[in-house]
N, C-alpha and C. Protein backbone atom coordinates (compact mmCIF):
# COMPACT_ATOMS: atom_id res chain seq x y z
N MET A 1 0.94 -1.61 -0.28
CA MET A 1 0.01 -0.07 0.06
C MET A 1 1.05 1.26 -0.08
N SER A 2 0.70 1.99 -0.70
CA SER A 2 1.22 3.60 -0.82
C SER A 2 1.20 4.39 0.04
N VAL A 3 2.32 5.12 0.49
CA VAL A 3 1.82 6.39 1.24
C VAL A 3 0.82 6.92 1.24
N ARG A 4 0.43 7.45 -0.03
CA ARG A 4 -1.25 7.77 -0.17
C ARG A 4 -2.03 7.31 0.07
N ASP A 5 -2.33 6.01 -0.36
CA ASP A 5 -3.25 5.20 -0.23
C ASP A 5 -3.53 5.02 1.70
N ARG A 6 -2.27 4.50 2.08
CA ARG A 6 -2.18 5.05 3.93
C ARG A 6 -2.51 6.04 4.75
N LEU A 7 -2.23 7.40 3.65
CA LEU A 7 -2.55 8.63 4.49
C LEU A 7 -4.37 9.01 3.93
N VAL A 8 -4.47 8.25 3.08
CA VAL A 8 -5.88 8.49 2.68
C VAL A 8 -6.96 7.50 3.67
N ASP A 9 -6.32 6.47 3.73
CA ASP A 9 -7.39 5.24 4.81
C ASP A 9 -7.08 6.09 6.51
N TRP A 10 -6.11 6.82 6.57
CA TRP A 10 -5.94 7.44 8.05
C TRP A 10 -7.05 8.73 8.41
N LEU A 11 -6.72 9.58 6.99
CA LEU A 11 -7.71 10.62 7.35
C LEU A 11 -9.30 10.71 6.84
N PHE A 12 -9.35 9.38 5.96
CA PHE A 12 -10.96 9.40 5.61
C PHE A 12 -11.31 7.73 5.98
N PRO A 13 -11.21 7.21 7.22
CA PRO A 13 -11.65 5.84 7.14
C PRO A 13 -12.81 5.71 6.90
N GLY A 14 -13.39 4.58 6.49
CA GLY A 14 -14.28 3.72 5.84
C GLY A 14 -14.51 4.21 3.89
N LEU A 15 -13.54 5.63 3.53
CA LEU A 15 -14.17 5.88 2.28
C LEU A 15 -13.95 4.94 1.34
N ARG A 16 -12.54 4.39 1.33
CA ARG A 16 -12.38 3.02 0.68
C ARG A 16 -13.26 1.79 0.09
N GLU A 17 -14.25 1.70 1.38
CA GLU A 17 -14.91 0.53 0.88
C GLU A 17 -16.22 1.33 0.65
N THR A 18 -16.62 2.62 1.10
CA THR A 18 -18.21 3.11 0.84
C THR A 18 -17.79 3.24 -1.41
N VAL A 19 -16.81 3.41 -1.33
CA VAL A 19 -16.23 4.21 -2.60
C VAL A 19 -16.37 2.54 -3.69
N ASP A 20 -15.54 1.68 -2.96
CA ASP A 20 -15.83 0.28 -3.49
C ASP A 20 -17.15 -0.60 -3.68
N GLN A 21 -18.25 0.14 -2.46
CA GLN A 21 -19.55 -0.43 -2.55
C GLN A 21 -20.40 0.44 -3.68
N HIS A 22 -20.33 1.54 -3.89
CA HIS A 22 -20.84 2.02 -5.02
C HIS A 22 -20.35 2.11 -6.48
N THR A 23 -18.47 1.67 -6.62
CA THR A 23 -18.48 0.98 -7.65
C THR A 23 -19.02 -0.43 -8.11
N PHE A 24 -19.58 -1.25 -6.92
CA PHE A 24 -20.28 -2.83 -7.13
C PHE A 24 -21.58 -2.11 -7.61
N MET A 25 -22.56 -1.26 -7.18
CA MET A 25 -23.83 -0.91 -7.81
C MET A 25 -23.55 -0.33 -8.80
N LEU A 26 -22.76 0.26 -9.26
CA LEU A 26 -22.57 1.23 -10.70
C LEU A 26 -22.48 -0.05 -11.86
N GLU A 27 -21.75 -0.98 -11.35
CA GLU A 27 -21.52 -2.19 -12.64
C GLU A 27 -22.49 -3.21 -12.65
N ALA A 28 -23.03 -3.29 -11.13
CA ALA A 28 -24.22 -4.32 -11.37
C ALA A 28 -25.28 -3.37 -12.15
N ASN A 29 -25.39 -2.45 -11.96
CA ASN A 29 -26.57 -1.73 -12.75
C ASN A 29 -26.25 -1.59 -13.88
N PHE A 30 -24.99 -1.71 -14.34
CA PHE A 30 -24.62 -1.57 -15.99
C PHE A 30 -24.86 -3.12 -16.48
N ASP A 31 -24.54 -4.09 -15.92
CA ASP A 31 -24.34 -5.33 -16.19
C ASP A 31 -25.92 -5.79 -16.61
N ILE A 32 -27.13 -5.28 -15.40
CA ILE A 32 -28.46 -5.22 -15.56
C ILE A 32 -28.94 -4.80 -16.98
N HIS A 33 -28.61 -3.61 -16.72
CA HIS A 33 -29.06 -2.62 -18.24
C HIS A 33 -28.45 -3.34 -19.14
N CYS A 34 -27.15 -3.57 -19.48
CA CYS A 34 -26.84 -4.07 -20.83
C CYS A 34 -26.96 -5.44 -21.19
N LEU A 35 -27.51 -6.25 -20.30
CA LEU A 35 -28.07 -7.87 -20.72
C LEU A 35 -29.86 -7.50 -20.44
N ASP A 36 -30.40 -6.50 -20.63
CA ASP A 36 -32.11 -6.44 -20.68
C ASP A 36 -32.37 -7.58 -19.71
N LEU A 37 -32.17 -7.12 -18.22
CA LEU A 37 -32.48 -8.14 -17.31
C LEU A 37 -33.21 -7.69 -16.87
N PRO A 38 -35.04 -8.06 -16.42
CA PRO A 38 -35.72 -7.54 -15.27
C PRO A 38 -34.91 -7.23 -13.92
N ALA A 39 -34.80 -5.94 -13.79
CA ALA A 39 -34.27 -5.80 -12.28
C ALA A 39 -35.18 -5.67 -11.19
N GLY A 40 -35.31 -6.90 -10.83
CA GLY A 40 -35.92 -7.46 -9.46
C GLY A 40 -34.89 -7.78 -8.22
N ALA A 41 -34.98 -7.75 -7.27
CA ALA A 41 -34.32 -7.78 -5.89
C ALA A 41 -33.44 -9.36 -5.77
N VAL A 42 -33.80 -10.33 -6.21
CA VAL A 42 -32.45 -11.28 -6.31
C VAL A 42 -31.64 -10.83 -7.28
N ILE A 43 -31.93 -10.91 -8.71
CA ILE A 43 -31.06 -10.16 -9.60
C ILE A 43 -30.04 -8.99 -9.49
N TRP A 44 -30.62 -8.34 -8.71
CA TRP A 44 -30.02 -7.31 -8.32
C TRP A 44 -28.60 -7.83 -7.32
N GLU A 45 -28.84 -8.72 -6.42
CA GLU A 45 -28.37 -9.55 -5.63
C GLU A 45 -27.17 -9.63 -5.80
N GLU A 46 -27.47 -10.95 -6.74
CA GLU A 46 -26.71 -12.10 -7.85
C GLU A 46 -25.90 -10.82 -8.39
N ALA A 47 -26.19 -10.26 -9.08
CA ALA A 47 -25.41 -8.95 -10.33
C ALA A 47 -24.16 -8.37 -9.24
N MET A 48 -24.85 -7.65 -7.78
CA MET A 48 -23.83 -7.25 -6.78
C MET A 48 -22.84 -8.25 -6.52
N ALA A 49 -22.92 -9.36 -6.13
CA ALA A 49 -22.47 -10.78 -5.62
C ALA A 49 -21.15 -11.11 -6.83
N ASN A 50 -21.79 -10.70 -8.08
CA ASN A 50 -20.89 -11.10 -8.83
C ASN A 50 -19.85 -9.94 -9.02
N CYS A 51 -20.75 -8.75 -9.17
CA CYS A 51 -19.41 -7.95 -9.46
C CYS A 51 -18.18 -7.54 -8.30
N GLU A 52 -18.71 -7.83 -7.03
CA GLU A 52 -17.76 -7.77 -6.04
C GLU A 52 -16.79 -9.22 -5.84
N ALA A 53 -17.37 -10.34 -6.41
CA ALA A 53 -16.15 -11.28 -6.72
C ALA A 53 -15.56 -11.29 -7.91
N LEU A 54 -15.94 -10.60 -8.81
CA LEU A 54 -14.69 -10.75 -10.33
C LEU A 54 -14.20 -9.14 -10.22
N HIS A 55 -14.61 -8.30 -9.28
CA HIS A 55 -13.63 -7.29 -9.06
C HIS A 55 -11.79 -6.92 -9.35
N GLU A 56 -11.20 -7.99 -8.63
CA GLU A 56 -10.21 -7.84 -8.67
C GLU A 56 -9.35 -8.51 -9.65
N ASP A 57 -10.49 -9.53 -10.43
CA ASP A 57 -9.75 -9.68 -11.83
C ASP A 57 -10.23 -8.75 -12.78
N LEU A 58 -11.06 -8.17 -12.84
CA LEU A 58 -11.54 -6.93 -13.67
C LEU A 58 -10.55 -5.89 -13.62
N LEU A 59 -9.70 -5.20 -12.18
CA LEU A 59 -8.60 -4.88 -12.41
C LEU A 59 -7.56 -5.21 -12.87
N ALA A 60 -7.46 -6.70 -12.63
CA ALA A 60 -6.10 -7.04 -12.98
C ALA A 60 -6.17 -7.48 -14.37
N GLY A 61 -7.10 -7.22 -15.51
CA GLY A 61 -7.41 -7.20 -16.60
C GLY A 61 -7.32 -9.00 -16.86
N LYS A 62 -7.65 -9.86 -16.28
CA LYS A 62 -7.86 -11.20 -16.56
C LYS A 62 -9.55 -11.44 -16.85
N VAL A 63 -10.05 -10.30 -16.62
CA VAL A 63 -11.67 -10.44 -16.49
C VAL A 63 -12.05 -9.52 -17.50
N ASP A 64 -12.96 -9.25 -18.38
CA ASP A 64 -13.64 -8.19 -18.87
C ASP A 64 -14.94 -7.85 -18.46
N ARG A 65 -15.28 -6.47 -19.02
CA ARG A 65 -16.95 -6.50 -18.72
C ARG A 65 -17.78 -7.42 -19.67
N ARG A 66 -17.61 -8.01 -20.72
CA ARG A 66 -18.37 -8.91 -21.30
C ARG A 66 -18.20 -10.24 -20.56
N GLY A 67 -16.88 -10.74 -20.27
CA GLY A 67 -16.47 -11.90 -19.49
C GLY A 67 -17.38 -11.91 -18.15
N ARG A 68 -17.47 -10.63 -17.40
CA ARG A 68 -18.24 -10.51 -16.10
C ARG A 68 -19.87 -10.69 -16.50
N ALA A 69 -20.22 -10.03 -17.62
CA ALA A 69 -21.58 -10.41 -18.13
C ALA A 69 -21.89 -11.56 -18.34
N MET A 70 -21.27 -12.35 -18.56
CA MET A 70 -21.66 -13.88 -19.33
C MET A 70 -21.63 -14.84 -17.91
N SER A 71 -20.18 -14.11 -17.03
CA SER A 71 -20.55 -15.17 -15.80
C SER A 71 -22.03 -14.93 -15.03
N LEU A 72 -22.59 -13.68 -15.23
CA LEU A 72 -23.77 -13.47 -14.10
C LEU A 72 -24.93 -14.35 -14.76
N ILE A 73 -24.82 -13.89 -16.39
CA ILE A 73 -25.68 -15.04 -17.18
C ILE A 73 -25.62 -16.63 -16.71
N GLU A 74 -24.31 -17.18 -16.47
CA GLU A 74 -24.33 -18.40 -16.25
C GLU A 74 -24.80 -18.53 -14.68
N VAL A 75 -24.51 -17.52 -14.10
CA VAL A 75 -24.82 -18.13 -12.52
C VAL A 75 -26.56 -17.47 -12.44
N LEU A 76 -26.87 -16.90 -13.45
CA LEU A 76 -28.70 -16.76 -12.92
C LEU A 76 -28.81 -17.72 -13.10
N LYS A 77 -28.17 -18.86 -14.59
CA LYS A 77 -29.09 -19.75 -15.54
C LYS A 77 -29.16 -21.25 -14.52
N ARG A 78 -27.62 -21.33 -13.58
CA ARG A 78 -27.56 -22.19 -12.65
C ARG A 78 -28.18 -22.41 -11.85
N LYS A 79 -28.68 -21.41 -11.51
CA LYS A 79 -29.66 -20.88 -9.67
C LYS A 79 -31.02 -21.11 -10.31
N ASN A 80 -31.32 -21.33 -11.49
CA ASN A 80 -32.79 -20.96 -12.13
C ASN A 80 -33.57 -19.91 -12.04
N ILE A 81 -32.54 -19.11 -11.85
CA ILE A 81 -33.60 -17.43 -11.59
C ILE A 81 -33.97 -16.97 -13.27
N ILE A 82 -33.04 -17.64 -13.93
CA ILE A 82 -33.54 -16.64 -15.53
C ILE A 82 -33.52 -18.23 -16.07
N LYS A 83 -34.46 -18.13 -17.18
CA LYS A 83 -34.21 -19.25 -18.55
C LYS A 83 -34.28 -18.33 -19.60
N LEU A 84 -33.49 -19.04 -20.68
CA LEU A 84 -33.17 -18.42 -21.92
C LEU A 84 -34.23 -18.68 -22.78
N ARG A 85 -34.85 -17.79 -23.73
CA ARG A 85 -35.60 -18.23 -24.55
C ARG A 85 -34.99 -18.98 -25.25
N GLU A 86 -35.80 -20.09 -26.08
CA GLU A 86 -35.37 -21.15 -27.07
C GLU A 86 -35.40 -19.96 -28.66
N MET A 87 -34.31 -20.09 -29.55
CA MET A 87 -34.71 -19.47 -30.78
C MET A 87 -34.91 -20.14 -31.96
């Protein structure tokens, strides 16, 4: 952790966690919107959990937003929250 990061944590305790939480909410909303999913409570919770779980991989470049969105679709299908329409 850099000196700047430690100083920010000392001056503004809890700020980093609040910013991370808002980032997860924004990214979850982005995934729900781009995938055109119904924005119910269960889908919102799953999208938030998915964003939180893949946040470090997204920052490291191991996964992109498309991969995270596809991961959300797989989670929702596996839990039978959504069913994809047959083409």
